[in-house]
Amino acid sequence: MSRAKDLAKKQALRARRKRRVRGSISGTALRPRVSVFKSNKYLSAQAINDVDGVTLASINSKALGLSVSKENATKVAAAFAENLKGAGVDTVVFDRNGYLYHGVVAAFADGLRDNGIKL
C-alpha cells in the first residue's frame, strides 16, 4: 500500500503545481501557450490559443520514433520549432504542465530557444 500512497501523493503534488502555473499563464493567437506532456516512454507538446480554444501546432516523439531523453527532447524541440514557424509563431508562453523544470522539460525548452523560438 505504501507504493500506492506515494504515487497518489506525487500525482496530487503535480496537480497542485499545474493549477498554480495555469492560473498565471494563458495563450493568445500571437503568443500561444506551449504545453508539454511527458510519459515514461514519450514526449509530446502542443501550441494552444486559449482565447479561441484552438491547437495551432503539435508534435509527439512517438511519431518521430524517439523515446524520452534529454538528447531526444532537443530533437523533438527542433522539429516542433519548424512546425511553429510554419504556423507563423515565433514567440510562445512555456507551460511546463506541473513538471519540475529540469531534465527533459528543460532540455525541450532550451531546444526551442536554440531553434529561434522566444520563450
PDB file of N, CA and C in Angstrom:
ATOM      1  N   MET A   1       0.825  -1.206   0.000  1.00  0.00           N
ATOM      2  CA  MET A   1       0.000   0.000   0.000  1.00  0.00           C
ATOM      3  C   MET A   1       0.862   1.260   0.000  1.00  0.00           C
ATOM      4  N   SER A   2       2.082   1.160   0.500  1.00  0.00           N
ATOM      5  CA  SER A   2       2.929   2.332   0.577  1.00  0.00           C
ATOM      6  C   SER A   2       3.214   2.903  -0.807  1.00  0.00           C
ATOM      7  N   ARG A   3       3.431   2.027  -1.793  1.00  0.00           N
ATOM      8  CA  ARG A   3       3.704   2.486  -3.160  1.00  0.00           C
ATOM      9  C   ARG A   3       2.501   3.235  -3.740  1.00  0.00           C
ATOM     10  N   ALA A   4       1.307   2.746  -3.472  1.00  0.00           N
ATOM     11  CA  ALA A   4       0.101   3.408  -3.963  1.00  0.00           C
ATOM     12  C   ALA A   4      -0.069   4.777  -3.321  1.00  0.00           C
ATOM     13  N   LYS A   5       0.243   4.887  -2.043  1.00  0.00           N
ATOM     14  CA  LYS A   5       0.135   6.176  -1.362  1.00  0.00           C
ATOM     15  C   LYS A   5       1.168   7.157  -1.894  1.00  0.00           C
ATOM     16  N   ASP A   6       2.379   6.662  -2.161  1.00  0.00           N
ATOM     17  CA  ASP A   6       3.425   7.526  -2.708  1.00  0.00           C
ATOM     18  C   ASP A   6       3.035   8.042  -4.092  1.00  0.00           C
ATOM     19  N   LEU A   7       2.477   7.171  -4.915  1.00  0.00           N
ATOM     20  CA  LEU A   7       2.057   7.565  -6.253  1.00  0.00           C
ATOM     21  C   LEU A   7       0.926   8.595  -6.189  1.00  0.00           C
ATOM     22  N   ALA A   8      -0.029   8.381  -5.301  1.00  0.00           N
ATOM     23  CA  ALA A   8      -1.134   9.327  -5.149  1.00  0.00           C
ATOM     24  C   ALA A   8      -0.624  10.687  -4.687  1.00  0.00           C
ATOM     25  N   LYS A   9       0.340  10.687  -3.781  1.00  0.00           N
ATOM     26  CA  LYS A   9       0.907  11.943  -3.287  1.00  0.00           C
ATOM     27  C   LYS A   9       1.645  12.671  -4.407  1.00  0.00           C
ATOM     28  N   LYS A  10       2.411  11.920  -5.199  1.00  0.00           N
ATOM     29  CA  LYS A  10       3.150  12.510  -6.310  1.00  0.00           C
ATOM     30  C   LYS A  10       2.196  13.137  -7.339  1.00  0.00           C
ATOM     31  N   GLN A  11       1.126  12.435  -7.652  1.00  0.00           N
ATOM     32  CA  GLN A  11       0.149  12.959  -8.603  1.00  0.00           C
ATOM     33  C   GLN A  11      -0.572  14.184  -8.053  1.00  0.00           C
ATOM     34  N   ALA A  12      -0.862  14.181  -6.766  1.00  0.00           N
ATOM     35  CA  ALA A  12      -1.533  15.323  -6.146  1.00  0.00           C
ATOM     36  C   ALA A  12      -0.632  16.559  -6.156  1.00  0.00           C
ATOM     37  N   LEU A  13       0.653  16.369  -5.877  1.00  0.00           N
ATOM     38  CA  LEU A  13       1.582  17.498  -5.901  1.00  0.00           C
ATOM     39  C   LEU A  13       1.723  18.064  -7.308  1.00  0.00           C
ATOM     40  N   ARG A  14       1.771  17.187  -8.341  1.00  0.00           N
ATOM     41  CA  ARG A  14       1.869  17.672  -9.712  1.00  0.00           C
ATOM     42  C   ARG A  14       0.598  18.435 -10.094  1.00  0.00           C
ATOM     43  N   ALA A  15      -0.560  17.949  -9.649  1.00  0.00           N
ATOM     44  CA  ALA A  15      -1.818  18.637  -9.945  1.00  0.00           C
ATOM     45  C   ALA A  15      -1.845  20.025  -9.321  1.00  0.00           C
ATOM     46  N   ARG A  16      -1.310  20.161  -8.113  1.00  0.00           N
ATOM     47  CA  ARG A  16      -1.251  21.477  -7.463  1.00  0.00           C
ATOM     48  C   ARG A  16      -0.329  22.423  -8.227  1.00  0.00           C
ATOM     49  N   ARG A  17       0.835  21.914  -8.642  1.00  0.00           N
ATOM     50  CA  ARG A  17       1.760  22.746  -9.425  1.00  0.00           C
ATOM     51  C   ARG A  17       1.124  23.149 -10.743  1.00  0.00           C
ATOM     52  N   LYS A  18       0.404  22.227 -11.370  1.00  0.00           N
ATOM     53  CA  LYS A  18      -0.235  22.505 -12.656  1.00  0.00           C
ATOM     54  C   LYS A  18      -1.274  23.617 -12.508  1.00  0.00           C
ATOM     55  N   ARG A  19      -2.114  23.540 -11.491  1.00  0.00           N
ATOM     56  CA  ARG A  19      -3.121  24.583 -11.257  1.00  0.00           C
ATOM     57  C   ARG A  19      -2.473  25.926 -10.975  1.00  0.00           C
ATOM     58  N   ARG A  20      -1.399  25.920 -10.215  1.00  0.00           N
ATOM     59  CA  ARG A  20      -0.715  27.162  -9.872  1.00  0.00           C
ATOM     60  C   ARG A  20      -0.112  27.817 -11.113  1.00  0.00           C
ATOM     61  N   VAL A  21       0.522  27.027 -11.965  1.00  0.00           N
ATOM     62  CA  VAL A  21       1.136  27.560 -13.175  1.00  0.00           C
ATOM     63  C   VAL A  21       0.066  28.044 -14.148  1.00  0.00           C
ATOM     64  N   ARG A  22      -0.975  27.252 -14.355  1.00  0.00           N
ATOM     65  CA  ARG A  22      -2.014  27.607 -15.320  1.00  0.00           C
ATOM     66  C   ARG A  22      -2.856  28.800 -14.861  1.00  0.00           C
ATOM     67  N   GLY A  23      -2.831  29.113 -13.581  1.00  0.00           N
ATOM     68  CA  GLY A  23      -3.568  30.269 -13.097  1.00  0.00           C
ATOM     69  C   GLY A  23      -2.946  31.579 -13.530  1.00  0.00           C
ATOM     70  N   SER A  24      -1.667  31.539 -13.915  1.00  0.00           N
ATOM     71  CA  SER A  24      -0.984  32.791 -14.243  1.00  0.00           C
ATOM     72  C   SER A  24      -0.620  32.923 -15.715  1.00  0.00           C
ATOM     73  N   ILE A  25      -0.769  31.876 -16.522  1.00  0.00           N
ATOM     74  CA  ILE A  25      -0.414  31.986 -17.940  1.00  0.00           C
ATOM     75  C   ILE A  25      -1.593  31.610 -18.819  1.00  0.00           C
ATOM     76  N   SER A  26      -1.614  32.204 -19.999  1.00  0.00           N
ATOM     77  CA  SER A  26      -2.639  31.912 -20.983  1.00  0.00           C
ATOM     78  C   SER A  26      -2.078  32.201 -22.363  1.00  0.00           C
ATOM     79  N   GLY A  27      -2.537  31.473 -23.359  1.00  0.00           N
ATOM     80  CA  GLY A  27      -2.043  31.653 -24.712  1.00  0.00           C
ATOM     81  C   GLY A  27      -2.983  32.474 -25.559  1.00  0.00           C
ATOM     82  N   THR A  28      -2.422  33.217 -26.500  1.00  0.00           N
ATOM     83  CA  THR A  28      -3.201  34.001 -27.447  1.00  0.00           C
ATOM     84  C   THR A  28      -2.789  33.587 -28.856  1.00  0.00           C
ATOM     85  N   ALA A  29      -3.416  34.198 -29.855  1.00  0.00           N
ATOM     86  CA  ALA A  29      -3.065  33.871 -31.230  1.00  0.00           C
ATOM     87  C   ALA A  29      -1.641  34.318 -31.555  1.00  0.00           C
ATOM     88  N   LEU A  30      -1.224  35.465 -31.012  1.00  0.00           N
ATOM     89  CA  LEU A  30       0.117  35.967 -31.285  1.00  0.00           C
ATOM     90  C   LEU A  30       1.179  35.284 -30.435  1.00  0.00           C
ATOM     91  N   ARG A  31       0.792  34.866 -29.230  1.00  0.00           N
ATOM     92  CA  ARG A  31       1.733  34.227 -28.314  1.00  0.00           C
ATOM     93  C   ARG A  31       1.067  33.015 -27.661  1.00  0.00           C
ATOM     94  N   PRO A  32       1.039  31.882 -28.374  1.00  0.00           N
ATOM     95  CA  PRO A  32       0.339  30.710 -27.844  1.00  0.00           C
ATOM     96  C   PRO A  32       1.076  30.065 -26.675  1.00  0.00           C
ATOM     97  N   ARG A  33       0.347  29.269 -25.939  1.00  0.00           N
ATOM     98  CA  ARG A  33       0.901  28.523 -24.811  1.00  0.00           C
ATOM     99  C   ARG A  33       1.405  27.182 -25.324  1.00  0.00           C
ATOM    100  N   VAL A  34       2.659  26.857 -25.034  1.00  0.00           N
ATOM    101  CA  VAL A  34       3.230  25.567 -25.405  1.00  0.00           C
ATOM    102  C   VAL A  34       3.155  24.664 -24.182  1.00  0.00           C
ATOM    103  N   SER A  35       2.287  23.670 -24.252  1.00  0.00           N
ATOM    104  CA  SER A  35       2.098  22.736 -23.156  1.00  0.00           C
ATOM    105  C   SER A  35       2.865  21.458 -23.446  1.00  0.00           C
ATOM    106  N   VAL A  36       3.638  21.001 -22.457  1.00  0.00           N
ATOM    107  CA  VAL A  36       4.482  19.822 -22.599  1.00  0.00           C
ATOM    108  C   VAL A  36       3.895  18.693 -21.760  1.00  0.00           C
ATOM    109  N   PHE A  37       3.857  17.490 -22.333  1.00  0.00           N
ATOM    110  CA  PHE A  37       3.463  16.304 -21.580  1.00  0.00           C
ATOM    111  C   PHE A  37       4.527  15.247 -21.781  1.00  0.00           C
ATOM    112  N   LYS A  38       4.962  14.645 -20.690  1.00  0.00           N
ATOM    113  CA  LYS A  38       5.933  13.562 -20.809  1.00  0.00           C
ATOM    114  C   LYS A  38       5.425  12.352 -20.046  1.00  0.00           C
ATOM    115  N   SER A  39       5.582  11.209 -20.685  1.00  0.00           N
ATOM    116  CA  SER A  39       5.302   9.949 -20.014  1.00  0.00           C
ATOM    117  C   SER A  39       6.631   9.242 -19.823  1.00  0.00           C
ATOM    118  N   ASN A  40       6.597   8.014 -19.379  1.00  0.00           N
ATOM    119  CA  ASN A  40       7.842   7.275 -19.217  1.00  0.00           C
ATOM    120  C   ASN A  40       8.460   6.895 -20.553  1.00  0.00           C
ATOM    121  N   LYS A  41       7.652   6.898 -21.628  1.00  0.00           N
ATOM    122  CA  LYS A  41       8.148   6.489 -22.937  1.00  0.00           C
ATOM    123  C   LYS A  41       8.283   7.634 -23.931  1.00  0.00           C
ATOM    124  N   TYR A  42       7.352   8.589 -23.913  1.00  0.00           N
ATOM    125  CA  TYR A  42       7.285   9.581 -24.977  1.00  0.00           C
ATOM    126  C   TYR A  42       7.142  10.999 -24.430  1.00  0.00           C
ATOM    127  N   LEU A  43       7.378  11.957 -25.323  1.00  0.00           N
ATOM    128  CA  LEU A  43       7.244  13.376 -25.028  1.00  0.00           C
ATOM    129  C   LEU A  43       6.343  13.979 -26.091  1.00  0.00           C
ATOM    130  N   SER A  44       5.401  14.797 -25.680  1.00  0.00           N
ATOM    131  CA  SER A  44       4.557  15.477 -26.656  1.00  0.00           C
ATOM    132  C   SER A  44       4.370  16.921 -26.225  1.00  0.00           C
ATOM    133  N   ALA A  45       4.087  17.769 -27.213  1.00  0.00           N
ATOM    134  CA  ALA A  45       3.885  19.190 -26.945  1.00  0.00           C
ATOM    135  C   ALA A  45       2.870  19.726 -27.938  1.00  0.00           C
ATOM    136  N   GLN A  46       2.184  20.774 -27.524  1.00  0.00           N
ATOM    137  CA  GLN A  46       1.251  21.439 -28.421  1.00  0.00           C
ATOM    138  C   GLN A  46       1.203  22.924 -28.117  1.00  0.00           C
ATOM    139  N   ALA A  47       0.985  23.710 -29.172  1.00  0.00           N
ATOM    140  CA  ALA A  47       0.837  25.158 -29.042  1.00  0.00           C
ATOM    141  C   ALA A  47      -0.652  25.461 -29.055  1.00  0.00           C
ATOM    142  N   ILE A  48      -1.128  26.127 -28.018  1.00  0.00           N
ATOM    143  CA  ILE A  48      -2.558  26.306 -27.810  1.00  0.00           C
ATOM    144  C   ILE A  48      -2.912  27.783 -27.743  1.00  0.00           C
ATOM    145  N   ASN A  49      -3.924  28.180 -28.488  1.00  0.00           N
ATOM    146  CA  ASN A  49      -4.517  29.508 -28.386  1.00  0.00           C
ATOM    147  C   ASN A  49      -5.693  29.365 -27.425  1.00  0.00           C
ATOM    148  N   ASP A  50      -5.530  29.807 -26.178  1.00  0.00           N
ATOM    149  CA  ASP A  50      -6.568  29.636 -25.163  1.00  0.00           C
ATOM    150  C   ASP A  50      -7.761  30.552 -25.378  1.00  0.00           C
ATOM    151  N   VAL A  51      -7.579  31.660 -26.081  1.00  0.00           N
ATOM    152  CA  VAL A  51      -8.686  32.587 -26.326  1.00  0.00           C
ATOM    153  C   VAL A  51      -9.732  31.922 -27.210  1.00  0.00           C
ATOM    154  N   ASP A  52      -9.277  31.281 -28.293  1.00  0.00           N
ATOM    155  CA  ASP A  52     -10.195  30.618 -29.221  1.00  0.00           C
ATOM    156  C   ASP A  52     -10.352  29.131 -28.941  1.00  0.00           C
ATOM    157  N   GLY A  53      -9.513  28.576 -28.074  1.00  0.00           N
ATOM    158  CA  GLY A  53      -9.580  27.153 -27.774  1.00  0.00           C
ATOM    159  C   GLY A  53      -9.116  26.296 -28.943  1.00  0.00           C
ATOM    160  N   VAL A  54      -8.038  26.714 -29.613  1.00  0.00           N
ATOM    161  CA  VAL A  54      -7.566  26.042 -30.814  1.00  0.00           C
ATOM    162  C   VAL A  54      -6.111  25.612 -30.614  1.00  0.00           C
ATOM    163  N   THR A  55      -5.784  24.423 -31.100  1.00  0.00           N
ATOM    164  CA  THR A  55      -4.400  23.965 -31.118  1.00  0.00           C
ATOM    165  C   THR A  55      -3.779  24.374 -32.439  1.00  0.00           C
ATOM    166  N   LEU A  56      -2.694  25.138 -32.382  1.00  0.00           N
ATOM    167  CA  LEU A  56      -2.054  25.655 -33.591  1.00  0.00           C
ATOM    168  C   LEU A  56      -1.030  24.690 -34.170  1.00  0.00           C
ATOM    169  N   ALA A  57      -0.298  23.984 -33.326  1.00  0.00           N
ATOM    170  CA  ALA A  57       0.710  23.029 -33.780  1.00  0.00           C
ATOM    171  C   ALA A  57       0.912  21.996 -32.679  1.00  0.00           C
ATOM    172  N   SER A  58       1.317  20.799 -33.083  1.00  0.00           N
ATOM    173  CA  SER A  58       1.579  19.763 -32.089  1.00  0.00           C
ATOM    174  C   SER A  58       2.654  18.824 -32.607  1.00  0.00           C
ATOM    175  N   ILE A  59       3.231  18.082 -31.674  1.00  0.00           N
ATOM    176  CA  ILE A  59       4.270  17.105 -32.026  1.00  0.00           C
ATOM    177  C   ILE A  59       4.268  16.010 -30.973  1.00  0.00           C
ATOM    178  N   ASN A  60       4.679  14.813 -31.398  1.00  0.00           N
ATOM    179  CA  ASN A  60       4.771  13.683 -30.499  1.00  0.00           C
ATOM    180  C   ASN A  60       6.048  12.922 -30.835  1.00  0.00           C
ATOM    181  N   SER A  61       6.815  12.567 -29.828  1.00  0.00           N
ATOM    182  CA  SER A  61       8.069  11.861 -30.089  1.00  0.00           C
ATOM    183  C   SER A  61       7.818  10.448 -30.616  1.00  0.00           C
ATOM    184  N   LYS A  62       6.655   9.895 -30.356  1.00  0.00           N
ATOM    185  CA  LYS A  62       6.332   8.557 -30.874  1.00  0.00           C
ATOM    186  C   LYS A  62       6.260   8.586 -32.397  1.00  0.00           C
ATOM    187  N   ALA A  63       5.691   9.644 -32.954  1.00  0.00           N
ATOM    188  CA  ALA A  63       5.603   9.769 -34.410  1.00  0.00           C
ATOM    189  C   ALA A  63       6.989   9.934 -35.040  1.00  0.00           C
ATOM    190  N   LEU A  64       7.922  10.503 -34.281  1.00  0.00           N
ATOM    191  CA  LEU A  64       9.281  10.674 -34.773  1.00  0.00           C
ATOM    192  C   LEU A  64      10.144   9.443 -34.515  1.00  0.00           C
ATOM    193  N   GLY A  65       9.599   8.469 -33.792  1.00  0.00           N
ATOM    194  CA  GLY A  65      10.347   7.258 -33.481  1.00  0.00           C
ATOM    195  C   GLY A  65      11.386   7.460 -32.397  1.00  0.00           C
ATOM    196  N   LEU A  66      11.146   8.414 -31.495  1.00  0.00           N
ATOM    197  CA  LEU A  66      12.099   8.728 -30.431  1.00  0.00           C
ATOM    198  C   LEU A  66      11.482   8.444 -29.071  1.00  0.00           C
ATOM    199  N   SER A  67      12.300   7.989 -28.146  1.00  0.00           N
ATOM    200  CA  SER A  67      11.858   7.816 -26.772  1.00  0.00           C
ATOM    201  C   SER A  67      12.146   9.109 -26.009  1.00  0.00           C
ATOM    202  N   VAL A  68      11.811   9.112 -24.731  1.00  0.00           N
ATOM    203  CA  VAL A  68      12.008  10.322 -23.948  1.00  0.00           C
ATOM    204  C   VAL A  68      13.391  10.287 -23.292  1.00  0.00           C
ATOM    205  N   SER A  69      14.214  11.292 -23.647  1.00  0.00           N
ATOM    206  CA  SER A  69      15.516  11.517 -23.032  1.00  0.00           C
ATOM    207  C   SER A  69      15.888  12.968 -23.314  1.00  0.00           C
ATOM    208  N   LYS A  70      16.915  13.447 -22.653  1.00  0.00           N
ATOM    209  CA  LYS A  70      17.300  14.848 -22.867  1.00  0.00           C
ATOM    210  C   LYS A  70      17.791  15.071 -24.290  1.00  0.00           C
ATOM    211  N   GLU A  71      18.525  14.129 -24.842  1.00  0.00           N
ATOM    212  CA  GLU A  71      19.014  14.266 -26.220  1.00  0.00           C
ATOM    213  C   GLU A  71      17.860  14.269 -27.214  1.00  0.00           C
ATOM    214  N   ASN A  72      16.914  13.353 -27.009  1.00  0.00           N
ATOM    215  CA  ASN A  72      15.768  13.287 -27.910  1.00  0.00           C
ATOM    216  C   ASN A  72      14.825  14.470 -27.724  1.00  0.00           C
ATOM    217  N   ALA A  73      14.795  15.043 -26.527  1.00  0.00           N
ATOM    218  CA  ALA A  73      13.945  16.215 -26.291  1.00  0.00           C
ATOM    219  C   ALA A  73      14.408  17.388 -27.145  1.00  0.00           C
ATOM    220  N   THR A  74      15.704  17.534 -27.345  1.00  0.00           N
ATOM    221  CA  THR A  74      16.192  18.617 -28.199  1.00  0.00           C
ATOM    222  C   THR A  74      15.836  18.360 -29.658  1.00  0.00           C
ATOM    223  N   LYS A  75      15.837  17.087 -30.085  1.00  0.00           N
ATOM    224  CA  LYS A  75      15.432  16.751 -31.452  1.00  0.00           C
ATOM    225  C   LYS A  75      13.948  17.030 -31.661  1.00  0.00           C
ATOM    226  N   VAL A  76      13.135  16.674 -30.685  1.00  0.00           N
ATOM    227  CA  VAL A  76      11.693  16.933 -30.765  1.00  0.00           C
ATOM    228  C   VAL A  76      11.443  18.440 -30.778  1.00  0.00           C
ATOM    229  N   ALA A  77      12.202  19.189 -29.974  1.00  0.00           N
ATOM    230  CA  ALA A  77      12.059  20.647 -29.927  1.00  0.00           C
ATOM    231  C   ALA A  77      12.408  21.271 -31.266  1.00  0.00           C
ATOM    232  N   ALA A  78      13.443  20.759 -31.937  1.00  0.00           N
ATOM    233  CA  ALA A  78      13.831  21.293 -33.243  1.00  0.00           C
ATOM    234  C   ALA A  78      12.714  21.071 -34.261  1.00  0.00           C
ATOM    235  N   ALA A  79      12.118  19.884 -34.261  1.00  0.00           N
ATOM    236  CA  ALA A  79      11.011  19.604 -35.185  1.00  0.00           C
ATOM    237  C   ALA A  79       9.789  20.451 -34.841  1.00  0.00           C
ATOM    238  N   PHE A  80       9.542  20.634 -33.546  1.00  0.00           N
ATOM    239  CA  PHE A  80       8.396  21.442 -33.125  1.00  0.00           C
ATOM    240  C   PHE A  80       8.596  22.915 -33.484  1.00  0.00           C
ATOM    241  N   ALA A  81       9.827  23.392 -33.390  1.00  0.00           N
ATOM    242  CA  ALA A  81      10.123  24.777 -33.761  1.00  0.00           C
ATOM    243  C   ALA A  81       9.820  25.001 -35.240  1.00  0.00           C
ATOM    244  N   GLU A  82      10.123  24.020 -36.083  1.00  0.00           N
ATOM    245  CA  GLU A  82       9.788  24.131 -37.509  1.00  0.00           C
ATOM    246  C   GLU A  82       8.275  24.174 -37.708  1.00  0.00           C
ATOM    247  N   ASN A  83       7.532  23.359 -36.949  1.00  0.00           N
ATOM    248  CA  ASN A  83       6.066  23.398 -37.025  1.00  0.00           C
ATOM    249  C   ASN A  83       5.530  24.767 -36.615  1.00  0.00           C
ATOM    250  N   LEU A  84       6.106  25.325 -35.545  1.00  0.00           N
ATOM    251  CA  LEU A  84       5.658  26.637 -35.073  1.00  0.00           C
ATOM    252  C   LEU A  84       5.953  27.726 -36.101  1.00  0.00           C
ATOM    253  N   LYS A  85       7.138  27.682 -36.686  1.00  0.00           N
ATOM    254  CA  LYS A  85       7.489  28.679 -37.704  1.00  0.00           C
ATOM    255  C   LYS A  85       6.584  28.554 -38.913  1.00  0.00           C
ATOM    256  N   GLY A  86       6.205  27.327 -39.245  1.00  0.00           N
ATOM    257  CA  GLY A  86       5.265  27.105 -40.341  1.00  0.00           C
ATOM    258  C   GLY A  86       3.885  27.672 -40.046  1.00  0.00           C
ATOM    259  N   ALA A  87       3.524  27.715 -38.775  1.00  0.00           N
ATOM    260  CA  ALA A  87       2.242  28.285 -38.363  1.00  0.00           C
ATOM    261  C   ALA A  87       2.343  29.784 -38.135  1.00  0.00           C
ATOM    262  N   GLY A  88       3.541  30.359 -38.342  1.00  0.00           N
ATOM    263  CA  GLY A  88       3.717  31.796 -38.182  1.00  0.00           C
ATOM    264  C   GLY A  88       3.913  32.244 -36.744  1.00  0.00           C
ATOM    265  N   VAL A  89       4.429  31.383 -35.906  1.00  0.00           N
ATOM    266  CA  VAL A  89       4.622  31.693 -34.485  1.00  0.00           C
ATOM    267  C   VAL A  89       6.112  31.747 -34.194  1.00  0.00           C
ATOM    268  N   ASP A  90       6.562  32.831 -33.546  1.00  0.00           N
ATOM    269  CA  ASP A  90       7.966  32.910 -33.148  1.00  0.00           C
ATOM    270  C   ASP A  90       8.141  33.210 -31.666  1.00  0.00           C
ATOM    271  N   THR A  91       7.063  33.526 -30.952  1.00  0.00           N
ATOM    272  CA  THR A  91       7.103  33.791 -29.516  1.00  0.00           C
ATOM    273  C   THR A  91       6.003  32.981 -28.842  1.00  0.00           C
ATOM    274  N   VAL A  92       6.350  32.286 -27.766  1.00  0.00           N
ATOM    275  CA  VAL A  92       5.382  31.445 -27.070  1.00  0.00           C
ATOM    276  C   VAL A  92       5.482  31.645 -25.565  1.00  0.00           C
ATOM    277  N   VAL A  93       4.480  31.159 -24.851  1.00  0.00           N
ATOM    278  CA  VAL A  93       4.478  31.087 -23.395  1.00  0.00           C
ATOM    279  C   VAL A  93       4.677  29.616 -23.050  1.00  0.00           C
ATOM    280  N   PHE A  94       5.672  29.301 -22.229  1.00  0.00           N
ATOM    281  CA  PHE A  94       6.002  27.912 -21.928  1.00  0.00           C
ATOM    282  C   PHE A  94       5.213  27.430 -20.722  1.00  0.00           C
ATOM    283  N   ASP A  95       4.449  26.344 -20.905  1.00  0.00           N
ATOM    284  CA  ASP A  95       3.681  25.717 -19.830  1.00  0.00           C
ATOM    285  C   ASP A  95       4.330  24.373 -19.520  1.00  0.00           C
ATOM    286  N   ARG A  96       4.984  24.284 -18.378  1.00  0.00           N
ATOM    287  CA  ARG A  96       5.672  23.036 -18.021  1.00  0.00           C
ATOM    288  C   ARG A  96       4.701  21.986 -17.515  1.00  0.00           C
ATOM    289  N   ASN A  97       3.427  22.328 -17.392  1.00  0.00           N
ATOM    290  CA  ASN A  97       2.352  21.381 -17.114  1.00  0.00           C
ATOM    291  C   ASN A  97       2.524  20.669 -15.774  1.00  0.00           C
ATOM    292  N   GLY A  98       3.074  21.379 -14.792  1.00  0.00           N
ATOM    293  CA  GLY A  98       3.225  20.805 -13.460  1.00  0.00           C
ATOM    294  C   GLY A  98       4.510  20.035 -13.255  1.00  0.00           C
ATOM    295  N   TYR A  99       5.270  19.808 -14.314  1.00  0.00           N
ATOM    296  CA  TYR A  99       6.541  19.102 -14.169  1.00  0.00           C
ATOM    297  C   TYR A  99       7.598  20.076 -13.654  1.00  0.00           C
ATOM    298  N   LEU A 100       8.560  19.556 -12.923  1.00  0.00           N
ATOM    299  CA  LEU A 100       9.652  20.388 -12.465  1.00  0.00           C
ATOM    300  C   LEU A 100      10.521  20.772 -13.657  1.00  0.00           C
ATOM    301  N   TYR A 101      11.064  21.985 -13.624  1.00  0.00           N
ATOM    302  CA  TYR A 101      11.840  22.488 -14.748  1.00  0.00           C
ATOM    303  C   TYR A 101      13.280  21.991 -14.644  1.00  0.00           C
ATOM    304  N   HIS A 102      13.493  20.754 -15.034  1.00  0.00           N
ATOM    305  CA  HIS A 102      14.824  20.171 -15.124  1.00  0.00           C
ATOM    306  C   HIS A 102      14.738  18.950 -16.028  1.00  0.00           C
ATOM    307  N   GLY A 103      15.876  18.439 -16.421  1.00  0.00           N
ATOM    308  CA  GLY A 103      15.901  17.226 -17.220  1.00  0.00           C
ATOM    309  C   GLY A 103      15.290  17.410 -18.591  1.00  0.00           C
ATOM    310  N   VAL A 104      14.337  16.569 -18.918  1.00  0.00           N
ATOM    311  CA  VAL A 104      13.720  16.539 -20.241  1.00  0.00           C
ATOM    312  C   VAL A 104      12.964  17.833 -20.533  1.00  0.00           C
ATOM    313  N   VAL A 105      12.232  18.351 -19.561  1.00  0.00           N
ATOM    314  CA  VAL A 105      11.441  19.570 -19.766  1.00  0.00           C
ATOM    315  C   VAL A 105      12.367  20.758 -20.046  1.00  0.00           C
ATOM    316  N   ALA A 106      13.430  20.891 -19.292  1.00  0.00           N
ATOM    317  CA  ALA A 106      14.380  21.976 -19.510  1.00  0.00           C
ATOM    318  C   ALA A 106      15.108  21.810 -20.840  1.00  0.00           C
ATOM    319  N   ALA A 107      15.442  20.579 -21.210  1.00  0.00           N
ATOM    320  CA  ALA A 107      16.110  20.332 -22.493  1.00  0.00           C
ATOM    321  C   ALA A 107      15.192  20.693 -23.648  1.00  0.00           C
ATOM    322  N   PHE A 108      13.893  20.413 -23.521  1.00  0.00           N
ATOM    323  CA  PHE A 108      12.930  20.773 -24.562  1.00  0.00           C
ATOM    324  C   PHE A 108      12.848  22.296 -24.702  1.00  0.00           C
ATOM    325  N   ALA A 109      12.767  23.010 -23.595  1.00  0.00           N
ATOM    326  CA  ALA A 109      12.695  24.474 -23.632  1.00  0.00           C
ATOM    327  C   ALA A 109      13.964  25.068 -24.236  1.00  0.00           C
ATOM    328  N   ASP A 110      15.117  24.533 -23.849  1.00  0.00           N
ATOM    329  CA  ASP A 110      16.377  25.015 -24.415  1.00  0.00           C
ATOM    330  C   ASP A 110      16.458  24.727 -25.909  1.00  0.00           C
ATOM    331  N   GLY A 111      15.922  23.583 -26.324  1.00  0.00           N
ATOM    332  CA  GLY A 111      15.901  23.240 -27.742  1.00  0.00           C
ATOM    333  C   GLY A 111      15.039  24.198 -28.551  1.00  0.00           C
ATOM    334  N   LEU A 112      13.927  24.637 -27.965  1.00  0.00           N
ATOM    335  CA  LEU A 112      13.092  25.645 -28.651  1.00  0.00           C
ATOM    336  C   LEU A 112      13.842  26.954 -28.790  1.00  0.00           C
ATOM    337  N   ARG A 113      14.502  27.380 -27.708  1.00  0.00           N
ATOM    338  CA  ARG A 113      15.275  28.626 -27.754  1.00  0.00           C
ATOM    339  C   ARG A 113      16.390  28.553 -28.781  1.00  0.00           C
ATOM    340  N   ASP A 114      17.073  27.420 -28.849  1.00  0.00           N
ATOM    341  CA  ASP A 114      18.179  27.255 -29.790  1.00  0.00           C
ATOM    342  C   ASP A 114      17.721  27.294 -31.246  1.00  0.00           C
ATOM    343  N   ASN A 115      16.456  26.993 -31.477  1.00  0.00           N
ATOM    344  CA  ASN A 115      15.916  26.965 -32.836  1.00  0.00           C
ATOM    345  C   ASN A 115      15.095  28.211 -33.170  1.00  0.00           C
ATOM    346  N   GLY A 116      15.290  29.281 -32.398  1.00  0.00           N
ATOM    347  CA  GLY A 116      14.713  30.569 -32.759  1.00  0.00           C
ATOM    348  C   GLY A 116      13.339  30.886 -32.210  1.00  0.00           C
ATOM    349  N   ILE A 117      12.841  30.107 -31.267  1.00  0.00           N
ATOM    350  CA  ILE A 117      11.550  30.404 -30.645  1.00  0.00           C
ATOM    351  C   ILE A 117      11.815  31.125 -29.329  1.00  0.00           C
ATOM    352  N   LYS A 118      11.165  32.270 -29.140  1.00  0.00           N
ATOM    353  CA  LYS A 118      11.351  33.037 -27.908  1.00  0.00           C
ATOM    354  C   LYS A 118      10.363  32.580 -26.865  1.00  0.00           C
ATOM    355  N   LEU A 119      10.875  32.265 -25.679  1.00  0.00           N
ATOM    356  CA  LEU A 119      10.017  31.841 -24.571  1.00  0.00           C
ATOM    357  C   LEU A 119       9.845  32.975 -23.600  1.00  0.00           C
TER     358      LEU A 119
END
